[in-house]
Amino acid sequence: MDHLCPTWGLRVEAEGRVFAFTGDTGPSDGITKLAEGADVLLSEASWLDFPDQPTGMHLSGKQAGAAAASAGARRLLLTHYSPWTDQDALAQEARDAFDGPVEVVHAGTTYTI
């Protein structure tokens, strides 16, 4: 992953299903490798896309969607967003870049992989 300090992504394969989690990262080819063909990609998306975003930190909704599309993931869940971020806009950015289902994760919700 591409972050200011060392961070790791996680890929879990079990019973024919694949779950991938980006951890903190900016755009990176590592996300594509991590999430290749994943049933679910849980991606951080800390902010809405904006010009001159800092590099090596976090993804926008648009960048998370592009990463999911590049990896061929089947479903995208967005997490690690700021509480003041417009969650609908964040999800729409991801949908604009990714054709699969997109959801913003909320505390206490469970997801089936």
PDB file of N, CA and C in Angstrom:
ATOM      1  N   MET A   1       0.831  -1.165   0.000  1.00  0.00           N
ATOM      2  CA  MET A   1       0.000   0.000   0.000  1.00  0.00           C
ATOM      3  C   MET A   1       0.885   1.240   0.000  1.00  0.00           C
ATOM      4  N   ASP A   2       0.311   2.359  -0.366  1.00  0.00           N
ATOM      5  CA  ASP A   2       1.057   3.610  -0.467  1.00  0.00           C
ATOM      6  C   ASP A   2       0.555   4.578   0.598  1.00  0.00           C
ATOM      7  N   HIS A   3       1.328   4.698   1.686  1.00  0.00           N
ATOM      8  CA  HIS A   3       0.918   5.546   2.806  1.00  0.00           C
ATOM      9  C   HIS A   3       2.158   6.186   3.406  1.00  0.00           C
ATOM     10  N   LEU A   4       1.946   7.173   4.255  1.00  0.00           N
ATOM     11  CA  LEU A   4       3.069   7.884   4.861  1.00  0.00           C
ATOM     12  C   LEU A   4       3.939   7.000   5.738  1.00  0.00           C
ATOM     13  N   CYS A   5       3.325   6.010   6.341  1.00  0.00           N
ATOM     14  CA  CYS A   5       4.051   5.040   7.154  1.00  0.00           C
ATOM     15  C   CYS A   5       3.663   3.653   6.642  1.00  0.00           C
ATOM     16  N   PRO A   6       4.373   2.620   7.041  1.00  0.00           N
ATOM     17  CA  PRO A   6       4.035   1.286   6.522  1.00  0.00           C
ATOM     18  C   PRO A   6       2.596   0.884   6.863  1.00  0.00           C
ATOM     19  N   THR A   7       1.883   0.442   5.856  1.00  0.00           N
ATOM     20  CA  THR A   7       0.539  -0.111   6.028  1.00  0.00           C
ATOM     21  C   THR A   7       0.421  -1.338   5.144  1.00  0.00           C
ATOM     22  N   TRP A   8      -0.519  -2.186   5.459  1.00  0.00           N
ATOM     23  CA  TRP A   8      -0.673  -3.423   4.712  1.00  0.00           C
ATOM     24  C   TRP A   8      -2.121  -3.602   4.302  1.00  0.00           C
ATOM     25  N   GLY A   9      -2.295  -4.220   3.154  1.00  0.00           N
ATOM     26  CA  GLY A   9      -3.606  -4.670   2.739  1.00  0.00           C
ATOM     27  C   GLY A   9      -3.761  -6.111   3.191  1.00  0.00           C
ATOM     28  N   LEU A  10      -4.962  -6.606   3.095  1.00  0.00           N
ATOM     29  CA  LEU A  10      -5.262  -7.948   3.560  1.00  0.00           C
ATOM     30  C   LEU A  10      -6.121  -8.645   2.511  1.00  0.00           C
ATOM     31  N   ARG A  11      -5.787  -9.880   2.198  1.00  0.00           N
ATOM     32  CA  ARG A  11      -6.580 -10.698   1.286  1.00  0.00           C
ATOM     33  C   ARG A  11      -6.849 -12.027   1.977  1.00  0.00           C
ATOM     34  N   VAL A  12      -8.120 -12.385   2.057  1.00  0.00           N
ATOM     35  CA  VAL A  12      -8.513 -13.633   2.688  1.00  0.00           C
ATOM     36  C   VAL A  12      -9.281 -14.452   1.661  1.00  0.00           C
ATOM     37  N   GLU A  13      -8.863 -15.694   1.461  1.00  0.00           N
ATOM     38  CA  GLU A  13      -9.545 -16.609   0.559  1.00  0.00           C
ATOM     39  C   GLU A  13     -10.012 -17.806   1.373  1.00  0.00           C
ATOM     40  N   ALA A  14     -11.319 -18.102   1.282  1.00  0.00           N
ATOM     41  CA  ALA A  14     -11.883 -19.235   2.017  1.00  0.00           C
ATOM     42  C   ALA A  14     -13.154 -19.703   1.322  1.00  0.00           C
ATOM     43  N   GLU A  15     -13.283 -20.998   1.215  1.00  0.00           N
ATOM     44  CA  GLU A  15     -14.479 -21.609   0.649  1.00  0.00           C
ATOM     45  C   GLU A  15     -14.865 -21.001  -0.697  1.00  0.00           C
ATOM     46  N   GLY A  16     -13.852 -20.732  -1.504  1.00  0.00           N
ATOM     47  CA  GLY A  16     -14.087 -20.222  -2.850  1.00  0.00           C
ATOM     48  C   GLY A  16     -14.459 -18.753  -2.931  1.00  0.00           C
ATOM     49  N   ARG A  17     -14.359 -18.020  -1.843  1.00  0.00           N
ATOM     50  CA  ARG A  17     -14.689 -16.594  -1.814  1.00  0.00           C
ATOM     51  C   ARG A  17     -13.437 -15.805  -1.461  1.00  0.00           C
ATOM     52  N   VAL A  18     -13.393 -14.547  -1.925  1.00  0.00           N
ATOM     53  CA  VAL A  18     -12.226 -13.695  -1.671  1.00  0.00           C
ATOM     54  C   VAL A  18     -12.681 -12.354  -1.107  1.00  0.00           C
ATOM     55  N   PHE A  19     -12.071 -11.982   0.017  1.00  0.00           N
ATOM     56  CA  PHE A  19     -12.283 -10.686   0.655  1.00  0.00           C
ATOM     57  C   PHE A  19     -10.943  -9.952   0.651  1.00  0.00           C
ATOM     58  N   ALA A  20     -10.956  -8.691   0.231  1.00  0.00           N
ATOM     59  CA  ALA A  20      -9.734  -7.881   0.233  1.00  0.00           C
ATOM     60  C   ALA A  20     -10.011  -6.570   0.960  1.00  0.00           C
ATOM     61  N   PHE A  21      -9.025  -6.104   1.734  1.00  0.00           N
ATOM     62  CA  PHE A  21      -9.113  -4.844   2.473  1.00  0.00           C
ATOM     63  C   PHE A  21      -7.867  -4.032   2.192  1.00  0.00           C
ATOM     64  N   THR A  22      -8.044  -2.786   1.807  1.00  0.00           N
ATOM     65  CA  THR A  22      -6.901  -1.964   1.417  1.00  0.00           C
ATOM     66  C   THR A  22      -6.046  -1.491   2.570  1.00  0.00           C
ATOM     67  N   GLY A  23      -6.620  -1.265   3.740  1.00  0.00           N
ATOM     68  CA  GLY A  23      -5.891  -0.515   4.742  1.00  0.00           C
ATOM     69  C   GLY A  23      -5.721   0.914   4.233  1.00  0.00           C
ATOM     70  N   ASP A  24      -4.980   1.748   4.947  1.00  0.00           N
ATOM     71  CA  ASP A  24      -4.734   3.121   4.501  1.00  0.00           C
ATOM     72  C   ASP A  24      -3.811   3.100   3.296  1.00  0.00           C
ATOM     73  N   THR A  25      -4.203   3.799   2.246  1.00  0.00           N
ATOM     74  CA  THR A  25      -3.373   3.837   1.044  1.00  0.00           C
ATOM     75  C   THR A  25      -3.824   4.937   0.109  1.00  0.00           C
ATOM     76  N   GLY A  26      -2.884   5.453  -0.636  1.00  0.00           N
ATOM     77  CA  GLY A  26      -3.214   6.249  -1.808  1.00  0.00           C
ATOM     78  C   GLY A  26      -3.306   5.302  -2.988  1.00  0.00           C
ATOM     79  N   PRO A  27      -3.569   5.828  -4.178  1.00  0.00           N
ATOM     80  CA  PRO A  27      -3.628   4.964  -5.354  1.00  0.00           C
ATOM     81  C   PRO A  27      -2.339   4.155  -5.492  1.00  0.00           C
ATOM     82  N   SER A  28      -2.493   2.876  -5.826  1.00  0.00           N
ATOM     83  CA  SER A  28      -1.340   1.978  -5.874  1.00  0.00           C
ATOM     84  C   SER A  28      -1.659   0.765  -6.727  1.00  0.00           C
ATOM     85  N   ASP A  29      -0.682   0.307  -7.506  1.00  0.00           N
ATOM     86  CA  ASP A  29      -0.853  -0.950  -8.242  1.00  0.00           C
ATOM     87  C   ASP A  29      -1.055  -2.121  -7.279  1.00  0.00           C
ATOM     88  N   GLY A  30      -0.584  -1.960  -6.066  1.00  0.00           N
ATOM     89  CA  GLY A  30      -0.740  -3.007  -5.068  1.00  0.00           C
ATOM     90  C   GLY A  30      -2.202  -3.326  -4.778  1.00  0.00           C
ATOM     91  N   ILE A  31      -3.079  -2.330  -4.908  1.00  0.00           N
ATOM     92  CA  ILE A  31      -4.507  -2.578  -4.671  1.00  0.00           C
ATOM     93  C   ILE A  31      -5.042  -3.536  -5.731  1.00  0.00           C
ATOM     94  N   THR A  32      -4.637  -3.342  -6.974  1.00  0.00           N
ATOM     95  CA  THR A  32      -5.097  -4.212  -8.058  1.00  0.00           C
ATOM     96  C   THR A  32      -4.672  -5.649  -7.799  1.00  0.00           C
ATOM     97  N   LYS A  33      -3.434  -5.843  -7.384  1.00  0.00           N
ATOM     98  CA  LYS A  33      -2.939  -7.191  -7.083  1.00  0.00           C
ATOM     99  C   LYS A  33      -3.681  -7.785  -5.884  1.00  0.00           C
ATOM    100  N   LEU A  34      -3.867  -6.976  -4.860  1.00  0.00           N
ATOM    101  CA  LEU A  34      -4.525  -7.412  -3.638  1.00  0.00           C
ATOM    102  C   LEU A  34      -5.964  -7.849  -3.894  1.00  0.00           C
ATOM    103  N   ALA A  35      -6.682  -7.078  -4.689  1.00  0.00           N
ATOM    104  CA  ALA A  35      -8.121  -7.285  -4.853  1.00  0.00           C
ATOM    105  C   ALA A  35      -8.505  -7.986  -6.150  1.00  0.00           C
ATOM    106  N   GLU A  36      -7.530  -8.536  -6.863  1.00  0.00           N
ATOM    107  CA  GLU A  36      -7.822  -9.162  -8.153  1.00  0.00           C
ATOM    108  C   GLU A  36      -8.907 -10.227  -8.009  1.00  0.00           C
ATOM    109  N   GLY A  37     -10.026 -10.006  -8.703  1.00  0.00           N
ATOM    110  CA  GLY A  37     -11.118 -10.970  -8.697  1.00  0.00           C
ATOM    111  C   GLY A  37     -11.832 -11.124  -7.373  1.00  0.00           C
ATOM    112  N   ALA A  38     -11.648 -10.194  -6.442  1.00  0.00           N
ATOM    113  CA  ALA A  38     -12.261 -10.324  -5.115  1.00  0.00           C
ATOM    114  C   ALA A  38     -13.784 -10.248  -5.198  1.00  0.00           C
ATOM    115  N   ASP A  39     -14.431 -11.035  -4.371  1.00  0.00           N
ATOM    116  CA  ASP A  39     -15.882 -10.945  -4.245  1.00  0.00           C
ATOM    117  C   ASP A  39     -16.262  -9.630  -3.573  1.00  0.00           C
ATOM    118  N   VAL A  40     -15.480  -9.236  -2.583  1.00  0.00           N
ATOM    119  CA  VAL A  40     -15.710  -7.983  -1.867  1.00  0.00           C
ATOM    120  C   VAL A  40     -14.376  -7.276  -1.669  1.00  0.00           C
ATOM    121  N   LEU A  41     -14.343  -5.995  -2.035  1.00  0.00           N
ATOM    122  CA  LEU A  41     -13.215  -5.130  -1.712  1.00  0.00           C
ATOM    123  C   LEU A  41     -13.700  -4.104  -0.698  1.00  0.00           C
ATOM    124  N   LEU A  42     -13.138  -4.146   0.498  1.00  0.00           N
ATOM    125  CA  LEU A  42     -13.383  -3.146   1.530  1.00  0.00           C
ATOM    126  C   LEU A  42     -12.264  -2.125   1.398  1.00  0.00           C
ATOM    127  N   SER A  43     -12.614  -0.957   0.911  1.00  0.00           N
ATOM    128  CA  SER A  43     -11.602   0.054   0.597  1.00  0.00           C
ATOM    129  C   SER A  43     -11.793   1.291   1.440  1.00  0.00           C
ATOM    130  N   GLU A  44     -10.689   1.797   1.940  1.00  0.00           N
ATOM    131  CA  GLU A  44     -10.762   3.103   2.568  1.00  0.00           C
ATOM    132  C   GLU A  44     -11.051   4.131   1.481  1.00  0.00           C
ATOM    133  N   ALA A  45     -11.829   5.131   1.824  1.00  0.00           N
ATOM    134  CA  ALA A  45     -12.137   6.247   0.923  1.00  0.00           C
ATOM    135  C   ALA A  45     -12.327   7.462   1.819  1.00  0.00           C
ATOM    136  N   SER A  46     -11.244   8.104   2.128  1.00  0.00           N
ATOM    137  CA  SER A  46     -11.239   9.110   3.190  1.00  0.00           C
ATOM    138  C   SER A  46     -11.877  10.434   2.804  1.00  0.00           C
ATOM    139  N   TRP A  47     -11.967  10.710   1.502  1.00  0.00           N
ATOM    140  CA  TRP A  47     -12.472  12.017   1.106  1.00  0.00           C
ATOM    141  C   TRP A  47     -13.041  11.987  -0.300  1.00  0.00           C
ATOM    142  N   LEU A  48     -13.719  13.057  -0.644  1.00  0.00           N
ATOM    143  CA  LEU A  48     -14.198  13.230  -2.006  1.00  0.00           C
ATOM    144  C   LEU A  48     -13.021  13.636  -2.879  1.00  0.00           C
ATOM    145  N   ASP A  49     -13.106  13.315  -4.154  1.00  0.00           N
ATOM    146  CA  ASP A  49     -12.031  13.640  -5.089  1.00  0.00           C
ATOM    147  C   ASP A  49     -11.868  15.158  -5.201  1.00  0.00           C
ATOM    148  N   PHE A  50     -10.641  15.630  -5.207  1.00  0.00           N
ATOM    149  CA  PHE A  50     -10.384  17.060  -5.376  1.00  0.00           C
ATOM    150  C   PHE A  50      -9.028  17.248  -6.043  1.00  0.00           C
ATOM    151  N   PRO A  51      -8.854  18.391  -6.720  1.00  0.00           N
ATOM    152  CA  PRO A  51      -7.577  18.631  -7.400  1.00  0.00           C
ATOM    153  C   PRO A  51      -6.420  18.670  -6.404  1.00  0.00           C
ATOM    154  N   ASP A  52      -5.284  18.240  -6.851  1.00  0.00           N
ATOM    155  CA  ASP A  52      -4.051  18.293  -6.045  1.00  0.00           C
ATOM    156  C   ASP A  52      -4.164  17.569  -4.708  1.00  0.00           C
ATOM    157  N   GLN A  53      -4.837  16.402  -4.733  1.00  0.00           N
ATOM    158  CA  GLN A  53      -4.895  15.592  -3.512  1.00  0.00           C
ATOM    159  C   GLN A  53      -3.486  15.225  -3.081  1.00  0.00           C
ATOM    160  N   PRO A  54      -3.231  15.169  -1.792  1.00  0.00           N
ATOM    161  CA  PRO A  54      -1.914  14.704  -1.354  1.00  0.00           C
ATOM    162  C   PRO A  54      -1.699  13.255  -1.805  1.00  0.00           C
ATOM    163  N   THR A  55      -0.492  12.912  -2.100  1.00  0.00           N
ATOM    164  CA  THR A  55      -0.186  11.545  -2.528  1.00  0.00           C
ATOM    165  C   THR A  55       0.271  10.717  -1.332  1.00  0.00           C
ATOM    166  N   GLY A  56       0.155   9.403  -1.490  1.00  0.00           N
ATOM    167  CA  GLY A  56       0.660   8.497  -0.469  1.00  0.00           C
ATOM    168  C   GLY A  56      -0.082   8.579   0.842  1.00  0.00           C
ATOM    169  N   MET A  57      -1.385   8.856   0.776  1.00  0.00           N
ATOM    170  CA  MET A  57      -2.141   8.962   2.027  1.00  0.00           C
ATOM    171  C   MET A  57      -3.424   8.137   1.982  1.00  0.00           C
ATOM    172  N   HIS A  58      -4.398   8.631   1.212  1.00  0.00           N
ATOM    173  CA  HIS A  58      -5.720   8.024   1.220  1.00  0.00           C
ATOM    174  C   HIS A  58      -6.335   8.081  -0.172  1.00  0.00           C
ATOM    175  N   LEU A  59      -7.455   7.358  -0.329  1.00  0.00           N
ATOM    176  CA  LEU A  59      -8.191   7.330  -1.583  1.00  0.00           C
ATOM    177  C   LEU A  59      -9.432   8.204  -1.492  1.00  0.00           C
ATOM    178  N   SER A  60      -9.828   8.741  -2.634  1.00  0.00           N
ATOM    179  CA  SER A  60     -11.142   9.365  -2.750  1.00  0.00           C
ATOM    180  C   SER A  60     -12.136   8.267  -3.130  1.00  0.00           C
ATOM    181  N   GLY A  61     -13.404   8.588  -3.123  1.00  0.00           N
ATOM    182  CA  GLY A  61     -14.397   7.632  -3.600  1.00  0.00           C
ATOM    183  C   GLY A  61     -14.137   7.245  -5.048  1.00  0.00           C
ATOM    184  N   LYS A  62     -13.789   8.220  -5.858  1.00  0.00           N
ATOM    185  CA  LYS A  62     -13.486   7.968  -7.273  1.00  0.00           C
ATOM    186  C   LYS A  62     -12.309   7.011  -7.414  1.00  0.00           C
ATOM    187  N   GLN A  63     -11.255   7.235  -6.650  1.00  0.00           N
ATOM    188  CA  GLN A  63     -10.072   6.380  -6.726  1.00  0.00           C
ATOM    189  C   GLN A  63     -10.364   4.972  -6.219  1.00  0.00           C
ATOM    190  N   ALA A  64     -11.181   4.854  -5.179  1.00  0.00           N
ATOM    191  CA  ALA A  64     -11.559   3.526  -4.686  1.00  0.00           C
ATOM    192  C   ALA A  64     -12.359   2.783  -5.749  1.00  0.00           C
ATOM    193  N   GLY A  65     -13.267   3.472  -6.409  1.00  0.00           N
ATOM    194  CA  GLY A  65     -14.038   2.861  -7.494  1.00  0.00           C
ATOM    195  C   GLY A  65     -13.152   2.420  -8.638  1.00  0.00           C
ATOM    196  N   ALA A  66     -12.196   3.259  -9.011  1.00  0.00           N
ATOM    197  CA  ALA A  66     -11.268   2.911 -10.093  1.00  0.00           C
ATOM    198  C   ALA A  66     -10.420   1.707  -9.712  1.00  0.00           C
ATOM    199  N   ALA A  67     -10.006   1.629  -8.460  1.00  0.00           N
ATOM    200  CA  ALA A  67      -9.204   0.485  -8.003  1.00  0.00           C
ATOM    201  C   ALA A  67     -10.028  -0.797  -8.065  1.00  0.00           C
ATOM    202  N   ALA A  68     -11.292  -0.731  -7.635  1.00  0.00           N
ATOM    203  CA  ALA A  68     -12.170  -1.908  -7.681  1.00  0.00           C
ATOM    204  C   ALA A  68     -12.382  -2.357  -9.117  1.00  0.00           C
ATOM    205  N   ALA A  69     -12.578  -1.400 -10.013  1.00  0.00           N
ATOM    206  CA  ALA A  69     -12.770  -1.732 -11.429  1.00  0.00           C
ATOM    207  C   ALA A  69     -11.512  -2.366 -12.011  1.00  0.00           C
ATOM    208  N   SER A  70     -10.372  -1.795 -11.713  1.00  0.00           N
ATOM    209  CA  SER A  70      -9.100  -2.309 -12.228  1.00  0.00           C
ATOM    210  C   SER A  70      -8.829  -3.730 -11.740  1.00  0.00           C
ATOM    211  N   ALA A  71      -9.236  -4.007 -10.506  1.00  0.00           N
ATOM    212  CA  ALA A  71      -8.997  -5.328  -9.917  1.00  0.00           C
ATOM    213  C   ALA A  71     -10.027  -6.360 -10.357  1.00  0.00           C
ATOM    214  N   GLY A  72     -11.118  -5.912 -10.950  1.00  0.00           N
ATOM    215  CA  GLY A  72     -12.178  -6.843 -11.308  1.00  0.00           C
ATOM    216  C   GLY A  72     -12.952  -7.339 -10.096  1.00  0.00           C
ATOM    217  N   ALA A  73     -13.014  -6.506  -9.043  1.00  0.00           N
ATOM    218  CA  ALA A  73     -13.783  -6.872  -7.850  1.00  0.00           C
ATOM    219  C   ALA A  73     -15.269  -6.912  -8.205  1.00  0.00           C
ATOM    220  N   ARG A  74     -16.021  -7.678  -7.450  1.00  0.00           N
ATOM    221  CA  ARG A  74     -17.454  -7.797  -7.722  1.00  0.00           C
ATOM    222  C   ARG A  74     -18.306  -6.825  -6.911  1.00  0.00           C
ATOM    223  N   ARG A  75     -17.811  -6.413  -5.742  1.00  0.00           N
ATOM    224  CA  ARG A  75     -18.559  -5.524  -4.856  1.00  0.00           C
ATOM    225  C   ARG A  75     -17.572  -4.631  -4.126  1.00  0.00           C
ATOM    226  N   LEU A  76     -17.963  -3.381  -3.889  1.00  0.00           N
ATOM    227  CA  LEU A  76     -17.092  -2.410  -3.226  1.00  0.00           C
ATOM    228  C   LEU A  76     -17.789  -1.842  -1.998  1.00  0.00           C
ATOM    229  N   LEU A  77     -17.113  -1.950  -0.868  1.00  0.00           N
ATOM    230  CA  LEU A  77     -17.577  -1.345   0.373  1.00  0.00           C
ATOM    231  C   LEU A  77     -16.591  -0.248   0.749  1.00  0.00           C
ATOM    232  N   LEU A  78     -17.106   0.935   1.068  1.00  0.00           N
ATOM    233  CA  LEU A  78     -16.256   2.088   1.388  1.00  0.00           C
ATOM    234  C   LEU A  78     -16.230   2.322   2.889  1.00  0.00           C
ATOM    235  N   THR A  79     -15.041   2.519   3.419  1.00  0.00           N
ATOM    236  CA  THR A  79     -14.876   2.752   4.851  1.00  0.00           C
ATOM    237  C   THR A  79     -13.784   3.796   5.076  1.00  0.00           C
ATOM    238  N   HIS A  80     -13.559   4.164   6.314  1.00  0.00           N
ATOM    239  CA  HIS A  80     -12.505   5.093   6.734  1.00  0.00           C
ATOM    240  C   HIS A  80     -12.714   6.487   6.154  1.00  0.00           C
ATOM    241  N   TYR A  81     -13.964   6.886   6.033  1.00  0.00           N
ATOM    242  CA  TYR A  81     -14.297   8.231   5.569  1.00  0.00           C
ATOM    243  C   TYR A  81     -14.493   9.125   6.796  1.00  0.00           C
ATOM    244  N   SER A  82     -14.318  10.403   6.601  1.00  0.00           N
ATOM    245  CA  SER A  82     -14.505  11.359   7.690  1.00  0.00           C
ATOM    246  C   SER A  82     -15.998  11.548   7.962  1.00  0.00           C
ATOM    247  N   PRO A  83     -16.383  11.786   9.212  1.00  0.00           N
ATOM    248  CA  PRO A  83     -17.804  11.918   9.530  1.00  0.00           C
ATOM    249  C   PRO A  83     -18.480  13.086   8.804  1.00  0.00           C
ATOM    250  N   TRP A  84     -17.722  14.098   8.425  1.00  0.00           N
ATOM    251  CA  TRP A  84     -18.295  15.255   7.733  1.00  0.00           C
ATOM    252  C   TRP A  84     -18.356  15.063   6.212  1.00  0.00           C
ATOM    253  N   THR A  85     -17.861  13.933   5.728  1.00  0.00           N
ATOM    254  CA  THR A  85     -17.903  13.662   4.289  1.00  0.00           C
ATOM    255  C   THR A  85     -19.322  13.302   3.868  1.00  0.00           C
ATOM    256  N   ASP A  86     -19.753  13.857   2.748  1.00  0.00           N
ATOM    257  CA  ASP A  86     -21.064  13.542   2.181  1.00  0.00           C
ATOM    258  C   ASP A  86     -21.014  12.101   1.676  1.00  0.00           C
ATOM    259  N   GLN A  87     -21.631  11.197   2.416  1.00  0.00           N
ATOM    260  CA  GLN A  87     -21.547   9.767   2.099  1.00  0.00           C
ATOM    261  C   GLN A  87     -22.214   9.429   0.770  1.00  0.00           C
ATOM    262  N   ASP A  88     -23.301  10.115   0.446  1.00  0.00           N
ATOM    263  CA  ASP A  88     -23.952   9.871  -0.847  1.00  0.00           C
ATOM    264  C   ASP A  88     -23.039  10.270  -1.995  1.00  0.00           C
ATOM    265  N   ALA A  89     -22.369  11.408  -1.860  1.00  0.00           N
ATOM    266  CA  ALA A  89     -21.434  11.864  -2.900  1.00  0.00           C
ATOM    267  C   ALA A  89     -20.237  10.924  -3.004  1.00  0.00           C
ATOM    268  N   LEU A  90     -19.768  10.432  -1.871  1.00  0.00           N
ATOM    269  CA  LEU A  90     -18.645   9.495  -1.855  1.00  0.00           C
ATOM    270  C   LEU A  90     -19.006   8.226  -2.626  1.00  0.00           C
ATOM    271  N   ALA A  91     -20.183   7.671  -2.343  1.00  0.00           N
ATOM    272  CA  ALA A  91     -20.640   6.466  -3.034  1.00  0.00           C
ATOM    273  C   ALA A  91     -20.850   6.738  -4.519  1.00  0.00           C
ATOM    274  N   GLN A  92     -21.377   7.916  -4.872  1.00  0.00           N
ATOM    275  CA  GLN A  92     -21.603   8.226  -6.280  1.00  0.00           C
ATOM    276  C   GLN A  92     -20.292   8.329  -7.039  1.00  0.00           C
ATOM    277  N   GLU A  93     -19.271   8.925  -6.424  1.00  0.00           N
ATOM    278  CA  GLU A  93     -17.954   8.967  -7.060  1.00  0.00           C
ATOM    279  C   GLU A  93     -17.470   7.560  -7.383  1.00  0.00           C
ATOM    280  N   ALA A  94     -17.628   6.666  -6.421  1.00  0.00           N
ATOM    281  CA  ALA A  94     -17.189   5.282  -6.632  1.00  0.00           C
ATOM    282  C   ALA A  94     -18.006   4.634  -7.738  1.00  0.00           C
ATOM    283  N   ARG A  95     -19.315   4.858  -7.752  1.00  0.00           N
ATOM    284  CA  ARG A  95     -20.183   4.280  -8.795  1.00  0.00           C
ATOM    285  C   ARG A  95     -19.838   4.800 -10.187  1.00  0.00           C
ATOM    286  N   ASP A  96     -19.393   6.044 -10.249  1.00  0.00           N
ATOM    287  CA  ASP A  96     -19.007   6.618 -11.543  1.00  0.00           C
ATOM    288  C   ASP A  96     -17.788   5.912 -12.136  1.00  0.00           C
ATOM    289  N   ALA A  97     -16.981   5.281 -11.277  1.00  0.00           N
ATOM    290  CA  ALA A  97     -15.758   4.610 -11.727  1.00  0.00           C
ATOM    291  C   ALA A  97     -15.859   3.087 -11.705  1.00  0.00           C
ATOM    292  N   PHE A  98     -16.920   2.550 -11.081  1.00  0.00           N
ATOM    293  CA  PHE A  98     -17.049   1.103 -10.876  1.00  0.00           C
ATOM    294  C   PHE A  98     -18.484   0.683 -11.160  1.00  0.00           C
ATOM    295  N   ASP A  99     -18.649  -0.336 -11.985  1.00  0.00           N
ATOM    296  CA  ASP A  99     -19.983  -0.776 -12.405  1.00  0.00           C
ATOM    297  C   ASP A  99     -20.686  -1.691 -11.406  1.00  0.00           C
ATOM    298  N   GLY A 100     -19.960  -2.217 -10.440  1.00  0.00           N
ATOM    299  CA  GLY A 100     -20.565  -3.148  -9.490  1.00  0.00           C
ATOM    300  C   GLY A 100     -21.265  -2.425  -8.349  1.00  0.00           C
ATOM    301  N   PRO A 101     -21.837  -3.205  -7.424  1.00  0.00           N
ATOM    302  CA  PRO A 101     -22.504  -2.611  -6.267  1.00  0.00           C
ATOM    303  C   PRO A 101     -21.520  -1.881  -5.359  1.00  0.00           C
ATOM    304  N   VAL A 102     -21.942  -0.723  -4.869  1.00  0.00           N
ATOM    305  CA  VAL A 102     -21.130   0.104  -3.969  1.00  0.00           C
ATOM    306  C   VAL A 102     -21.983   0.453  -2.751  1.00  0.00           C
ATOM    307  N   GLU A 103     -21.383   0.308  -1.570  1.00  0.00           N
ATOM    308  CA  GLU A 103     -22.045   0.706  -0.327  1.00  0.00           C
ATOM    309  C   GLU A 103     -21.058   1.429   0.564  1.00  0.00           C
ATOM    310  N   VAL A 104     -21.561   2.397   1.317  1.00  0.00           N
ATOM    311  CA  VAL A 104     -20.778   3.032   2.374  1.00  0.00           C
ATOM    312  C   VAL A 104     -21.024   2.221   3.635  1.00  0.00           C
ATOM    313  N   VAL A 105     -19.962   1.798   4.283  1.00  0.00           N
ATOM    314  CA  VAL A 105     -20.044   0.957   5.484  1.00  0.00           C
ATOM    315  C   VAL A 105     -20.475   1.798   6.680  1.00  0.00           C
ATOM    316  N   HIS A 106     -21.354   1.223   7.484  1.00  0.00           N
ATOM    317  CA  HIS A 106     -21.779   1.865   8.727  1.00  0.00           C
ATOM    318  C   HIS A 106     -21.520   0.929   9.901  1.00  0.00           C
ATOM    319  N   ALA A 107     -21.117   1.495  11.014  1.00  0.00           N
ATOM    320  CA  ALA A 107     -20.809   0.709  12.215  1.00  0.00           C
ATOM    321  C   ALA A 107     -22.004  -0.155  12.595  1.00  0.00           C
ATOM    322  N   GLY A 108     -21.706  -1.398  12.947  1.00  0.00           N
ATOM    323  CA  GLY A 108     -22.716  -2.325  13.407  1.00  0.00           C
ATOM    324  C   GLY A 108     -23.405  -3.122  12.315  1.00  0.00           C
ATOM    325  N   THR A 109     -23.158  -2.759  11.068  1.00  0.00           N
ATOM    326  CA  THR A 109     -23.763  -3.491   9.950  1.00  0.00           C
ATOM    327  C   THR A 109     -22.904  -4.700   9.630  1.00  0.00           C
ATOM    328  N   THR A 110     -23.533  -5.804   9.292  1.00  0.00           N
ATOM    329  CA  THR A 110     -22.792  -6.995   8.884  1.00  0.00           C
ATOM    330  C   THR A 110     -22.971  -7.198   7.384  1.00  0.00           C
ATOM    331  N   TYR A 111     -21.974  -7.784   6.774  1.00  0.00           N
ATOM    332  CA  TYR A 111     -21.962  -8.022   5.334  1.00  0.00           C
ATOM    333  C   TYR A 111     -21.594  -9.461   5.071  1.00  0.00           C
ATOM    334  N   THR A 112     -22.267 -10.075   4.132  1.00  0.00           N
ATOM    335  CA  THR A 112     -21.966 -11.444   3.749  1.00  0.00           C
ATOM    336  C   THR A 112     -21.055 -11.422   2.538  1.00  0.00           C
ATOM    337  N   ILE A 113     -20.016 -12.230   2.599  1.00  0.00           N
ATOM    338  CA  ILE A 113     -19.062 -12.302   1.488  1.00  0.00           C
ATOM    339  C   ILE A 113     -19.410 -13.520   0.655  1.00  0.00           C
TER     340      ILE A 113
END
